[in-house]
Amino acid sequence: MQLKRFSAEFKSKTALEKLKEQNNNIRNSHLYQVYPNKVYTWKNYLMAFETYL
């Protein structure tokens, strides 16, 4: 089984939606067909490096 690869644009889009709390984690995961923990990880990564953006 091949792993899904997500672009940086896709990761940032879902993480920003999570930061804005437009959708909850479960809804994001269903909407974008990713596991909720991935969205959580991307959000934390974005928060950690937001000063560099």
N, C-alpha and C. Protein backbone atom coordinates (compact mmCIF):
# COMPACT_ATOMS: atom_id res chain seq x y z
N MET A 1 0.83 -1.17 0.00
CA MET A 1 0.00 0.00 0.00
C MET A 1 0.88 1.24 0.00
N GLN A 2 0.59 2.16 -0.89
CA GLN A 2 1.39 3.36 -1.02
C GLN A 2 0.87 4.45 -0.09
N LEU A 3 1.81 5.16 0.54
CA LEU A 3 1.44 6.25 1.43
C LEU A 3 1.01 7.47 0.63
N LYS A 4 0.06 8.22 1.19
CA LYS A 4 -0.35 9.46 0.56
C LYS A 4 0.69 10.53 0.84
N ARG A 5 0.95 11.34 -0.14
CA ARG A 5 1.87 12.47 0.04
C ARG A 5 1.07 13.74 -0.17
N PHE A 6 1.24 14.67 0.75
CA PHE A 6 0.50 15.91 0.70
C PHE A 6 1.45 17.06 0.42
N SER A 7 1.01 18.00 -0.40
CA SER A 7 1.84 19.15 -0.73
C SER A 7 1.89 20.11 0.45
N ALA A 8 2.88 20.97 0.45
CA ALA A 8 3.01 21.96 1.50
C ALA A 8 1.82 22.91 1.50
N GLU A 9 1.31 23.22 0.32
CA GLU A 9 0.14 24.10 0.20
C GLU A 9 -1.07 23.48 0.87
N PHE A 10 -1.28 22.20 0.64
CA PHE A 10 -2.40 21.49 1.24
C PHE A 10 -2.27 21.45 2.76
N LYS A 11 -1.07 21.16 3.24
CA LYS A 11 -0.84 21.10 4.69
C LYS A 11 -1.09 22.45 5.34
N SER A 12 -0.60 23.51 4.72
CA SER A 12 -0.79 24.83 5.31
C SER A 12 -2.25 25.26 5.28
N LYS A 13 -2.95 24.89 4.23
CA LYS A 13 -4.37 25.23 4.12
C LYS A 13 -5.18 24.58 5.24
N THR A 14 -4.96 23.30 5.46
CA THR A 14 -5.71 22.60 6.50
C THR A 14 -5.30 23.07 7.89
N ALA A 15 -4.01 23.35 8.08
CA ALA A 15 -3.54 23.83 9.38
C ALA A 15 -4.10 25.21 9.69
N LEU A 16 -4.15 26.08 8.69
CA LEU A 16 -4.71 27.42 8.91
C LEU A 16 -6.19 27.35 9.24
N GLU A 17 -6.92 26.46 8.60
CA GLU A 17 -8.33 26.29 8.93
C GLU A 17 -8.49 25.82 10.37
N LYS A 18 -7.62 24.95 10.80
CA LYS A 18 -7.67 24.47 12.18
C LYS A 18 -7.34 25.61 13.15
N LEU A 19 -6.36 26.43 12.81
CA LEU A 19 -6.01 27.56 13.67
C LEU A 19 -7.16 28.56 13.77
N LYS A 20 -7.85 28.78 12.67
CA LYS A 20 -8.98 29.70 12.66
C LYS A 20 -10.21 29.07 13.31
N GLU A 21 -10.13 27.77 13.55
CA GLU A 21 -11.23 26.99 14.14
C GLU A 21 -12.49 27.06 13.27
N GLN A 22 -12.30 27.17 11.96
CA GLN A 22 -13.45 27.14 11.06
C GLN A 22 -14.11 25.77 11.10
N ASN A 23 -13.30 24.76 11.17
CA ASN A 23 -13.80 23.39 11.24
C ASN A 23 -13.07 22.69 12.37
N ASN A 24 -13.76 21.76 13.00
CA ASN A 24 -13.06 21.00 14.03
C ASN A 24 -12.20 19.93 13.37
N ASN A 25 -11.41 19.28 14.17
CA ASN A 25 -10.46 18.30 13.66
C ASN A 25 -11.13 17.16 12.91
N ILE A 26 -12.23 16.67 13.44
CA ILE A 26 -12.92 15.54 12.81
C ILE A 26 -13.50 15.96 11.46
N ARG A 27 -14.07 17.14 11.41
CA ARG A 27 -14.64 17.61 10.15
C ARG A 27 -13.53 17.82 9.11
N ASN A 28 -12.40 18.40 9.52
CA ASN A 28 -11.28 18.57 8.60
C ASN A 28 -10.80 17.23 8.07
N SER A 29 -10.72 16.26 8.94
CA SER A 29 -10.22 14.96 8.50
C SER A 29 -11.17 14.32 7.50
N HIS A 30 -12.46 14.45 7.70
CA HIS A 30 -13.42 13.90 6.74
C HIS A 30 -13.44 14.71 5.45
N LEU A 31 -13.35 16.01 5.58
CA LEU A 31 -13.39 16.89 4.42
C LEU A 31 -12.20 16.65 3.49
N TYR A 32 -11.02 16.51 4.07
CA TYR A 32 -9.80 16.35 3.27
C TYR A 32 -9.29 14.92 3.21
N GLN A 33 -9.99 14.00 3.84
CA GLN A 33 -9.65 12.58 3.85
C GLN A 33 -8.24 12.33 4.39
N VAL A 34 -7.97 12.90 5.55
CA VAL A 34 -6.72 12.66 6.26
C VAL A 34 -7.07 12.31 7.70
N TYR A 35 -6.15 11.71 8.41
CA TYR A 35 -6.37 11.37 9.81
C TYR A 35 -6.34 12.64 10.66
N PRO A 36 -7.17 12.70 11.70
CA PRO A 36 -7.20 13.89 12.56
C PRO A 36 -5.85 14.22 13.17
N ASN A 37 -5.05 13.21 13.50
CA ASN A 37 -3.75 13.49 14.10
C ASN A 37 -2.80 14.18 13.12
N LYS A 38 -2.98 13.97 11.81
CA LYS A 38 -2.16 14.67 10.81
C LYS A 38 -2.46 16.16 10.83
N VAL A 39 -3.74 16.52 10.87
CA VAL A 39 -4.13 17.92 10.92
C VAL A 39 -3.57 18.57 12.18
N TYR A 40 -3.66 17.87 13.29
CA TYR A 40 -3.13 18.36 14.56
C TYR A 40 -1.62 18.58 14.47
N THR A 41 -0.91 17.64 13.87
CA THR A 41 0.54 17.75 13.72
C THR A 41 0.91 18.93 12.84
N TRP A 42 0.21 19.09 11.72
CA TRP A 42 0.49 20.21 10.81
C TRP A 42 0.21 21.54 11.48
N LYS A 43 -0.85 21.61 12.29
CA LYS A 43 -1.18 22.84 13.02
C LYS A 43 -0.07 23.19 14.01
N ASN A 44 0.40 22.21 14.75
CA ASN A 44 1.46 22.45 15.72
C ASN A 44 2.76 22.87 15.04
N TYR A 45 3.06 22.27 13.91
CA TYR A 45 4.25 22.63 13.15
C TYR A 45 4.14 24.07 12.67
N LEU A 46 2.98 24.45 12.18
CA LEU A 46 2.77 25.80 11.71
C LEU A 46 2.90 26.81 12.85
N MET A 47 2.37 26.47 14.00
CA MET A 47 2.47 27.36 15.16
C MET A 47 3.92 27.50 15.63
N ALA A 48 4.69 26.44 15.55
CA ALA A 48 6.07 26.46 16.00
C ALA A 48 6.95 27.33 15.09
N PHE A 49 6.62 27.37 13.81
CA PHE A 49 7.45 28.09 12.85
C PHE A 49 6.78 29.33 12.27
N GLU A 50 5.74 29.83 12.94
CA GLU A 50 5.02 30.97 12.42
C GLU A 50 5.87 32.26 12.43
N THR A 51 6.84 32.33 13.30
CA THR A 51 7.69 33.52 13.34
C THR A 51 8.59 33.62 12.12
N TYR A 52 8.83 32.49 11.47
CA TYR A 52 9.69 32.48 10.29
C TYR A 52 8.91 32.74 9.00
N LEU A 53 7.59 32.73 9.08
CA LEU A 53 6.78 32.91 7.87
C LEU A 53 6.56 34.34 7.54
